[in-house]
Amino acid sequence: GRLSTAQKDAAQQRADEHGRRYPNLVDNMWAS
């Protein structure tokens, strides 16, 4: 499946909190 907009936003926020510019595979796996 694909991540919803809310899941993408949460992955982006998690990446920002950890100093990454973009969410990576681990952030996306966490969100899903």
Full PDB file with SEQRES, HELIX, SHEET, SSBOND, CRYST1, ORIGX, SCALE, CONECT and MASTER records, all heavy atoms in Angstrom:
SEQRES   1 A   32  GLY ARG LEU SER THR ALA GLN LYS ASP ALA ALA GLN GLN          
SEQRES   2 A   32  ARG ALA ASP GLU HIS GLY ARG ARG TYR PRO ASN LEU VAL          
SEQRES   3 A   32  ASP ASN MET TRP ALA SER                                      
HELIX    1 AA1 THR A    5  GLU A   17  1                                  13    
HELIX    2 AA2 LEU A   25  ALA A   31  1                                   7    
CRYST1    1.000    1.000    1.000  90.00  90.00  90.00 P 1           1          
ORIGX1      1.000000  0.000000  0.000000        0.00000                         
ORIGX2      0.000000  1.000000  0.000000        0.00000                         
ORIGX3      0.000000  0.000000  1.000000        0.00000                         
SCALE1      1.000000  0.000000  0.000000        0.00000                         
SCALE2      0.000000  1.000000  0.000000        0.00000                         
SCALE3      0.000000  0.000000  1.000000        0.00000                         
ATOM      1  N   GLY A   1       0.825  -1.195   0.000  1.00  0.00           N  
ATOM      2  CA  GLY A   1       0.000   0.000   0.000  1.00  0.00           C  
ATOM      3  C   GLY A   1       0.859   1.244   0.000  1.00  0.00           C  
ATOM      4  O   GLY A   1       2.095   1.186   0.067  1.00  0.00           O  
ATOM      5  N   ARG A   2       0.217   2.383  -0.070  1.00  0.00           N  
ATOM      6  CA  ARG A   2       0.927   3.658  -0.031  1.00  0.00           C  
ATOM      7  C   ARG A   2       0.631   4.333   1.288  1.00  0.00           C  
ATOM      8  O   ARG A   2      -0.405   4.102   1.901  1.00  0.00           O  
ATOM      9  CB  ARG A   2       0.478   4.548  -1.181  1.00  0.00           C  
ATOM     10  CG  ARG A   2       0.863   3.990  -2.536  1.00  0.00           C  
ATOM     11  CD  ARG A   2       0.736   5.065  -3.594  1.00  0.00           C  
ATOM     12  NE  ARG A   2       1.209   4.605  -4.867  1.00  0.00           N  
ATOM     13  CZ  ARG A   2       2.437   4.823  -5.311  1.00  0.00           C  
ATOM     14  NH1 ARG A   2       3.305   5.465  -4.586  1.00  0.00           N  
ATOM     15  NH2 ARG A   2       2.795   4.383  -6.499  1.00  0.00           N  
ATOM     16  N   LEU A   3       1.537   5.192   1.721  1.00  0.00           N  
ATOM     17  CA  LEU A   3       1.319   5.955   2.937  1.00  0.00           C  
ATOM     18  C   LEU A   3       0.266   7.030   2.672  1.00  0.00           C  
ATOM     19  O   LEU A   3       0.237   7.637   1.602  1.00  0.00           O  
ATOM     20  CB  LEU A   3       2.615   6.638   3.387  1.00  0.00           C  
ATOM     21  CG  LEU A   3       3.746   5.751   3.870  1.00  0.00           C  
ATOM     22  CD1 LEU A   3       4.932   6.621   4.256  1.00  0.00           C  
ATOM     23  CD2 LEU A   3       3.321   4.906   5.038  1.00  0.00           C  
ATOM     24  N   SER A   4      -0.581   7.250   3.667  1.00  0.00           N  
ATOM     25  CA  SER A   4      -1.550   8.338   3.558  1.00  0.00           C  
ATOM     26  C   SER A   4      -0.820   9.661   3.782  1.00  0.00           C  
ATOM     27  O   SER A   4       0.339   9.699   4.195  1.00  0.00           O  
ATOM     28  CB  SER A   4      -2.653   8.163   4.589  1.00  0.00           C  
ATOM     29  OG  SER A   4      -2.137   8.369   5.888  1.00  0.00           O  
ATOM     30  N   THR A   5      -1.510  10.750   3.548  1.00  0.00           N  
ATOM     31  CA  THR A   5      -0.914  12.070   3.749  1.00  0.00           C  
ATOM     32  C   THR A   5      -0.529  12.262   5.210  1.00  0.00           C  
ATOM     33  O   THR A   5       0.534  12.809   5.513  1.00  0.00           O  
ATOM     34  CB  THR A   5      -1.898  13.166   3.306  1.00  0.00           C  
ATOM     35  OG1 THR A   5      -2.263  12.913   1.955  1.00  0.00           O  
ATOM     36  CG2 THR A   5      -1.280  14.529   3.413  1.00  0.00           C  
ATOM     37  N   ALA A   6      -1.379  11.787   6.131  1.00  0.00           N  
ATOM     38  CA  ALA A   6      -1.086  11.920   7.561  1.00  0.00           C  
ATOM     39  C   ALA A   6       0.155  11.107   7.938  1.00  0.00           C  
ATOM     40  O   ALA A   6       0.985  11.553   8.738  1.00  0.00           O  
ATOM     41  CB  ALA A   6      -2.287  11.473   8.389  1.00  0.00           C  
ATOM     42  N   GLN A   7       0.299   9.915   7.370  1.00  0.00           N  
ATOM     43  CA  GLN A   7       1.468   9.090   7.647  1.00  0.00           C  
ATOM     44  C   GLN A   7       2.724   9.729   7.071  1.00  0.00           C  
ATOM     45  O   GLN A   7       3.784   9.705   7.698  1.00  0.00           O  
ATOM     46  CB  GLN A   7       1.275   7.684   7.086  1.00  0.00           C  
ATOM     47  CG  GLN A   7       0.261   6.865   7.848  1.00  0.00           C  
ATOM     48  CD  GLN A   7      -0.067   5.568   7.151  1.00  0.00           C  
ATOM     49  OE1 GLN A   7      -0.130   5.516   5.917  1.00  0.00           O  
ATOM     50  NE2 GLN A   7      -0.288   4.522   7.915  1.00  0.00           N  
ATOM     51  N   LYS A   8       2.617  10.316   5.875  1.00  0.00           N  
ATOM     52  CA  LYS A   8       3.767  10.993   5.274  1.00  0.00           C  
ATOM     53  C   LYS A   8       4.200  12.179   6.128  1.00  0.00           C  
ATOM     54  O   LYS A   8       5.388  12.412   6.334  1.00  0.00           O  
ATOM     55  CB  LYS A   8       3.423  11.477   3.867  1.00  0.00           C  
ATOM     56  CG  LYS A   8       3.324  10.387   2.844  1.00  0.00           C  
ATOM     57  CD  LYS A   8       2.968  10.984   1.499  1.00  0.00           C  
ATOM     58  CE  LYS A   8       2.643   9.914   0.484  1.00  0.00           C  
ATOM     59  NZ  LYS A   8       2.247  10.505  -0.800  1.00  0.00           N  
ATOM     60  N   ASP A   9       3.222  12.936   6.623  1.00  0.00           N  
ATOM     61  CA  ASP A   9       3.536  14.082   7.476  1.00  0.00           C  
ATOM     62  C   ASP A   9       4.224  13.641   8.763  1.00  0.00           C  
ATOM     63  O   ASP A   9       5.171  14.279   9.224  1.00  0.00           O  
ATOM     64  CB  ASP A   9       2.271  14.878   7.799  1.00  0.00           C  
ATOM     65  CG  ASP A   9       1.694  15.582   6.586  1.00  0.00           C  
ATOM     66  OD1 ASP A   9       2.435  15.764   5.588  1.00  0.00           O  
ATOM     67  OD2 ASP A   9       0.502  15.948   6.640  1.00  0.00           O  
ATOM     68  N   ALA A  10       3.760  12.542   9.353  1.00  0.00           N  
ATOM     69  CA  ALA A  10       4.371  12.034  10.577  1.00  0.00           C  
ATOM     70  C   ALA A  10       5.796  11.547  10.307  1.00  0.00           C  
ATOM     71  O   ALA A  10       6.699  11.763  11.126  1.00  0.00           O  
ATOM     72  CB  ALA A  10       3.530  10.901  11.163  1.00  0.00           C  
ATOM     73  N   ALA A  11       6.025  10.900   9.172  1.00  0.00           N  
ATOM     74  CA  ALA A  11       7.368  10.451   8.818  1.00  0.00           C  
ATOM     75  C   ALA A  11       8.287  11.644   8.602  1.00  0.00           C  
ATOM     76  O   ALA A  11       9.449  11.641   9.016  1.00  0.00           O  
ATOM     77  CB  ALA A  11       7.320   9.573   7.576  1.00  0.00           C  
ATOM     78  N   GLN A  12       7.760  12.703   7.972  1.00  0.00           N  
ATOM     79  CA  GLN A  12       8.549  13.920   7.758  1.00  0.00           C  
ATOM     80  C   GLN A  12       8.900  14.576   9.084  1.00  0.00           C  
ATOM     81  O   GLN A  12      10.029  15.013   9.301  1.00  0.00           O  
ATOM     82  CB  GLN A  12       7.776  14.901   6.873  1.00  0.00           C  
ATOM     83  CG  GLN A  12       8.520  16.205   6.616  1.00  0.00           C  
ATOM     84  CD  GLN A  12       9.773  16.005   5.795  1.00  0.00           C  
ATOM     85  OE1 GLN A  12       9.716  15.390   4.741  1.00  0.00           O  
ATOM     86  NE2 GLN A  12      10.890  16.498   6.263  1.00  0.00           N  
ATOM     87  N   GLN A  13       7.934  14.623  10.000  1.00  0.00           N  
ATOM     88  CA  GLN A  13       8.188  15.217  11.314  1.00  0.00           C  
ATOM     89  C   GLN A  13       9.238  14.416  12.073  1.00  0.00           C  
ATOM     90  O   GLN A  13      10.130  14.979  12.699  1.00  0.00           O  
ATOM     91  CB  GLN A  13       6.893  15.274  12.112  1.00  0.00           C  
ATOM     92  CG  GLN A  13       7.073  15.873  13.490  1.00  0.00           C  
ATOM     93  CD  GLN A  13       5.781  15.880  14.286  1.00  0.00           C  
ATOM     94  OE1 GLN A  13       4.738  15.460  13.794  1.00  0.00           O  
ATOM     95  NE2 GLN A  13       5.858  16.358  15.503  1.00  0.00           N  
ATOM     96  N   ARG A  14       9.151  13.100  11.990  1.00  0.00           N  
ATOM     97  CA  ARG A  14      10.132  12.243  12.658  1.00  0.00           C  
ATOM     98  C   ARG A  14      11.526  12.459  12.072  1.00  0.00           C  
ATOM     99  O   ARG A  14      12.513  12.505  12.804  1.00  0.00           O  
ATOM    100  CB  ARG A  14       9.708  10.783  12.505  1.00  0.00           C  
ATOM    101  CG  ARG A  14      10.507   9.809  13.327  1.00  0.00           C  
ATOM    102  CD  ARG A  14       9.839   8.443  13.255  1.00  0.00           C  
ATOM    103  NE  ARG A  14      10.421   7.544  14.200  1.00  0.00           N  
ATOM    104  CZ  ARG A  14      11.311   6.596  13.893  1.00  0.00           C  
ATOM    105  NH1 ARG A  14      11.700   6.451  12.659  1.00  0.00           N  
ATOM    106  NH2 ARG A  14      11.798   5.807  14.817  1.00  0.00           N  
ATOM    107  N   ALA A  15      11.621  12.626  10.766  1.00  0.00           N  
ATOM    108  CA  ALA A  15      12.905  12.888  10.125  1.00  0.00           C  
ATOM    109  C   ALA A  15      13.455  14.237  10.574  1.00  0.00           C  
ATOM    110  O   ALA A  15      14.652  14.361  10.866  1.00  0.00           O  
ATOM    111  CB  ALA A  15      12.753  12.846   8.613  1.00  0.00           C  
ATOM    112  N   ASP A  16      12.597  15.246  10.646  1.00  0.00           N  
ATOM    113  CA  ASP A  16      13.027  16.574  11.102  1.00  0.00           C  
ATOM    114  C   ASP A  16      13.556  16.522  12.529  1.00  0.00           C  
ATOM    115  O   ASP A  16      14.565  17.146  12.854  1.00  0.00           O  
ATOM    116  CB  ASP A  16      11.875  17.576  11.026  1.00  0.00           C  
ATOM    117  CG  ASP A  16      11.515  17.947   9.601  1.00  0.00           C  
ATOM    118  OD1 ASP A  16      12.366  17.739   8.705  1.00  0.00           O  
ATOM    119  OD2 ASP A  16      10.390  18.432   9.392  1.00  0.00           O  
ATOM    120  N   GLU A  17      12.875  15.773  13.398  1.00  0.00           N  
ATOM    121  CA  GLU A  17      13.293  15.665  14.797  1.00  0.00           C  
ATOM    122  C   GLU A  17      14.664  15.018  14.929  1.00  0.00           C  
ATOM    123  O   GLU A  17      15.383  15.283  15.889  1.00  0.00           O  
ATOM    124  CB  GLU A  17      12.270  14.862  15.593  1.00  0.00           C  
ATOM    125  CG  GLU A  17      10.963  15.596  15.817  1.00  0.00           C  
ATOM    126  CD  GLU A  17       9.881  14.711  16.410  1.00  0.00           C  
ATOM    127  OE1 GLU A  17      10.143  13.507  16.627  1.00  0.00           O  
ATOM    128  OE2 GLU A  17       8.775  15.229  16.647  1.00  0.00           O  
ATOM    129  N   HIS A  18      14.998  14.161  13.976  1.00  0.00           N  
ATOM    130  CA  HIS A  18      16.285  13.467  14.029  1.00  0.00           C  
ATOM    131  C   HIS A  18      17.339  14.110  13.132  1.00  0.00           C  
ATOM    132  O   HIS A  18      18.398  13.530  12.892  1.00  0.00           O  
ATOM    133  CB  HIS A  18      16.096  11.994  13.663  1.00  0.00           C  
ATOM    134  CG  HIS A  18      15.360  11.226  14.718  1.00  0.00           C  
ATOM    135  ND1 HIS A  18      13.998  11.078  14.710  1.00  0.00           N  
ATOM    136  CD2 HIS A  18      15.794  10.604  15.826  1.00  0.00           C  
ATOM    137  CE1 HIS A  18      13.628  10.386  15.763  1.00  0.00           C  
ATOM    138  NE2 HIS A  18      14.704  10.073  16.460  1.00  0.00           N  
ATOM    139  N   GLY A  19      17.032  15.279  12.596  1.00  0.00           N  
ATOM    140  CA  GLY A  19      18.020  16.019  11.820  1.00  0.00           C  
ATOM    141  C   GLY A  19      18.187  15.568  10.392  1.00  0.00           C  
ATOM    142  O   GLY A  19      19.185  15.887   9.750  1.00  0.00           O  
ATOM    143  N   ARG A  20      17.204  14.828   9.878  1.00  0.00           N  
ATOM    144  CA  ARG A  20      17.284  14.398   8.482  1.00  0.00           C  
ATOM    145  C   ARG A  20      16.408  15.304   7.630  1.00  0.00           C  
ATOM    146  O   ARG A  20      15.335  15.731   8.055  1.00  0.00           O  
ATOM    147  CB  ARG A  20      16.826  12.940   8.350  1.00  0.00           C  
ATOM    148  CG  ARG A  20      17.788  11.973   8.996  1.00  0.00           C  
ATOM    149  CD  ARG A  20      17.375  10.542   8.727  1.00  0.00           C  
ATOM    150  NE  ARG A  20      16.125  10.174   9.354  1.00  0.00           N  
ATOM    151  CZ  ARG A  20      16.005   9.737  10.598  1.00  0.00           C  
ATOM    152  NH1 ARG A  20      17.057   9.637  11.372  1.00  0.00           N  
ATOM    153  NH2 ARG A  20      14.819   9.408  11.087  1.00  0.00           N  
ATOM    154  N   ARG A  21      16.848  15.560   6.435  1.00  0.00           N  
ATOM    155  CA  ARG A  21      16.128  16.465   5.558  1.00  0.00           C  
ATOM    156  C   ARG A  21      14.875  15.815   4.981  1.00  0.00           C  
ATOM    157  O   ARG A  21      13.848  16.466   4.802  1.00  0.00           O  
ATOM    158  CB  ARG A  21      17.064  16.869   4.432  1.00  0.00           C  
ATOM    159  CG  ARG A  21      16.679  18.096   3.721  1.00  0.00           C  
ATOM    160  CD  ARG A  21      17.837  18.558   2.872  1.00  0.00           C  
ATOM    161  NE  ARG A  21      17.322  19.357   1.787  1.00  0.00           N  
ATOM    162  CZ  ARG A  21      18.028  19.756   0.778  1.00  0.00           C  
ATOM    163  NH1 ARG A  21      19.292  19.417   0.693  1.00  0.00           N  
ATOM    164  NH2 ARG A  21      17.501  20.491  -0.161  1.00  0.00           N  
ATOM    165  N   TYR A  22      14.975  14.535   4.671  1.00  0.00           N  
ATOM    166  CA  TYR A  22      13.863  13.795   4.092  1.00  0.00           C  
ATOM    167  C   TYR A  22      13.619  12.538   4.923  1.00  0.00           C  
ATOM    168  O   TYR A  22      14.559  11.985   5.497  1.00  0.00           O  
ATOM    169  CB  TYR A  22      14.178  13.354   2.659  1.00  0.00           C  
ATOM    170  CG  TYR A  22      14.521  14.489   1.745  1.00  0.00           C  
ATOM    171  CD1 TYR A  22      15.825  14.714   1.335  1.00  0.00           C  
ATOM    172  CD2 TYR A  22      13.528  15.349   1.303  1.00  0.00           C  
ATOM    173  CE1 TYR A  22      16.130  15.764   0.491  1.00  0.00           C  
ATOM    174  CE2 TYR A  22      13.831  16.408   0.455  1.00  0.00           C  
ATOM    175  CZ  TYR A  22      15.130  16.602   0.064  1.00  0.00           C  
ATOM    176  OH  TYR A  22      15.420  17.639  -0.764  1.00  0.00           O  
ATOM    177  N   PRO A  23      12.377  12.050   4.967  1.00  0.00           N  
ATOM    178  CA  PRO A  23      12.151  10.779   5.651  1.00  0.00           C  
ATOM    179  C   PRO A  23      12.798   9.641   4.864  1.00  0.00           C  
ATOM    180  O   PRO A  23      12.742   9.617   3.642  1.00  0.00           O  
ATOM    181  CB  PRO A  23      10.636  10.638   5.691  1.00  0.00           C  
ATOM    182  CG  PRO A  23      10.075  11.699   4.846  1.00  0.00           C  
ATOM    183  CD  PRO A  23      11.153  12.667   4.505  1.00  0.00           C  
ATOM    184  N   ASN A  24      13.420   8.740   5.575  1.00  0.00           N  
ATOM    185  CA  ASN A  24      14.044   7.608   4.910  1.00  0.00           C  
ATOM    186  C   ASN A  24      13.163   6.369   5.062  1.00  0.00           C  
ATOM    187  O   ASN A  24      12.045   6.442   5.583  1.00  0.00           O  
ATOM    188  CB  ASN A  24      15.468   7.383   5.432  1.00  0.00           C  
ATOM    189  CG  ASN A  24      15.514   7.122   6.915  1.00  0.00           C  
ATOM    190  OD1 ASN A  24      14.524   6.750   7.521  1.00  0.00           O  
ATOM    191  ND2 ASN A  24      16.671   7.315   7.512  1.00  0.00           N  
ATOM    192  N   LEU A  25      13.659   5.245   4.635  1.00  0.00           N  
ATOM    193  CA  LEU A  25      12.895   4.001   4.682  1.00  0.00           C  
ATOM    194  C   LEU A  25      12.457   3.674   6.100  1.00  0.00           C  
ATOM    195  O   LEU A  25      11.333   3.238   6.327  1.00  0.00           O  
ATOM    196  CB  LEU A  25      13.740   2.859   4.100  1.00  0.00           C  
ATOM    197  CG  LEU A  25      13.144   1.464   4.194  1.00  0.00           C  
ATOM    198  CD1 LEU A  25      11.936   1.364   3.289  1.00  0.00           C  
ATOM    199  CD2 LEU A  25      14.170   0.427   3.820  1.00  0.00           C  
ATOM    200  N   VAL A  26      13.322   3.903   7.073  1.00  0.00           N  
ATOM    201  CA  VAL A  26      13.003   3.570   8.459  1.00  0.00           C  
ATOM    202  C   VAL A  26      11.867   4.454   8.970  1.00  0.00           C  
ATOM    203  O   VAL A  26      10.960   3.976   9.660  1.00  0.00           O  
ATOM    204  CB  VAL A  26      14.266   3.684   9.338  1.00  0.00           C  
ATOM    205  CG1 VAL A  26      13.937   3.418  10.785  1.00  0.00           C  
ATOM    206  CG2 VAL A  26      15.331   2.722   8.842  1.00  0.00           C  
ATOM    207  N   ASP A  27      11.870   5.742   8.633  1.00  0.00           N  
ATOM    208  CA  ASP A  27      10.779   6.629   9.031  1.00  0.00           C  
ATOM    209  C   ASP A  27       9.461   6.180   8.402  1.00  0.00           C  
ATOM    210  O   ASP A  27       8.412   6.162   9.058  1.00  0.00           O  
ATOM    211  CB  ASP A  27      11.062   8.072   8.605  1.00  0.00           C  
ATOM    212  CG  ASP A  27      12.265   8.655   9.318  1.00  0.00           C  
ATOM    213  OD1 ASP A  27      12.453   8.370  10.511  1.00  0.00           O  
ATOM    214  OD2 ASP A  27      13.016   9.416   8.677  1.00  0.00           O  
ATOM    215  N   ASN A  28       9.509   5.823   7.135  1.00  0.00           N  
ATOM    216  CA  ASN A  28       8.303   5.376   6.449  1.00  0.00           C  
ATOM    217  C   ASN A  28       7.796   4.048   7.015  1.00  0.00           C  
ATOM    218  O   ASN A  28       6.587   3.856   7.176  1.00  0.00           O  
ATOM    219  CB  ASN A  28       8.554   5.236   4.948  1.00  0.00           C  
ATOM    220  CG  ASN A  28       8.790   6.574   4.294  1.00  0.00           C  
ATOM    221  OD1 ASN A  28       8.397   7.613   4.804  1.00  0.00           O  
ATOM    222  ND2 ASN A  28       9.460   6.548   3.158  1.00  0.00           N  
ATOM    223  N   MET A  29       8.703   3.137   7.343  1.00  0.00           N  
ATOM    224  CA  MET A  29       8.295   1.871   7.947  1.00  0.00           C  
ATOM    225  C   MET A  29       7.656   2.118   9.309  1.00  0.00           C  
ATOM    226  O   MET A  29       6.658   1.487   9.657  1.00  0.00           O  
ATOM    227  CB  MET A  29       9.500   0.935   8.093  1.00  0.00           C  
ATOM    228  CG  MET A  29       9.980   0.337   6.801  1.00  0.00           C  
ATOM    229  SD  MET A  29      11.512  -0.584   6.962  1.00  0.00           S  
ATOM    230  CE  MET A  29      11.117  -1.781   8.207  1.00  0.00           C  
ATOM    231  N   TRP A  30       8.231   3.036  10.081  1.00  0.00           N  
ATOM    232  CA  TRP A  30       7.667   3.377  11.389  1.00  0.00           C  
ATOM    233  C   TRP A  30       6.251   3.924  11.229  1.00  0.00           C  
ATOM    234  O   TRP A  30       5.341   3.531  11.956  1.00  0.00           O  
ATOM    235  CB  TRP A  30       8.565   4.401  12.089  1.00  0.00           C  
ATOM    236  CG  TRP A  30       7.958   4.941  13.321  1.00  0.00           C  
ATOM    237  CD1 TRP A  30       8.013   4.400  14.579  1.00  0.00           C  
ATOM    238  CD2 TRP A  30       7.162   6.133  13.436  1.00  0.00           C  
ATOM    239  NE1 TRP A  30       7.304   5.178  15.447  1.00  0.00           N  
ATOM    240  CE2 TRP A  30       6.773   6.245  14.777  1.00  0.00           C  
ATOM    241  CE3 TRP A  30       6.749   7.088  12.530  1.00  0.00           C  
ATOM    242  CZ2 TRP A  30       5.984   7.299  15.222  1.00  0.00           C  
ATOM    243  CZ3 TRP A  30       5.966   8.127  12.977  1.00  0.00           C  
ATOM    244  CH2 TRP A  30       5.591   8.228  14.318  1.00  0.00           C  
ATOM    245  N   ALA A  31       6.066   4.836  10.284  1.00  0.00           N  
ATOM    246  CA  ALA A  31       4.751   5.452  10.089  1.00  0.00           C  
ATOM    247  C   ALA A  31       3.716   4.419   9.658  1.00  0.00           C  
ATOM    248  O   ALA A  31       2.582   4.430  10.139  1.00  0.00           O  
ATOM    249  CB  ALA A  31       4.846   6.572   9.058  1.00  0.00           C  
ATOM    250  N   SER A  32       4.097   3.518   8.772  1.00  0.00           N  
ATOM    251  CA  SER A  32       3.129   2.524   8.299  1.00  0.00           C  
ATOM    252  C   SER A  32       2.799   1.512   9.393  1.00  0.00           C  
ATOM    253  O   SER A  32       1.688   0.999   9.444  1.00  0.00           O  
ATOM    254  CB  SER A  32       3.646   1.807   7.060  1.00  0.00           C  
ATOM    255  OG  SER A  32       4.748   1.000   7.373  1.00  0.00           O  
TER     256      SER A  32                                                      
MASTER        0    0    0    2    0    0    0    6  255    1    0    3          
END                                                                             
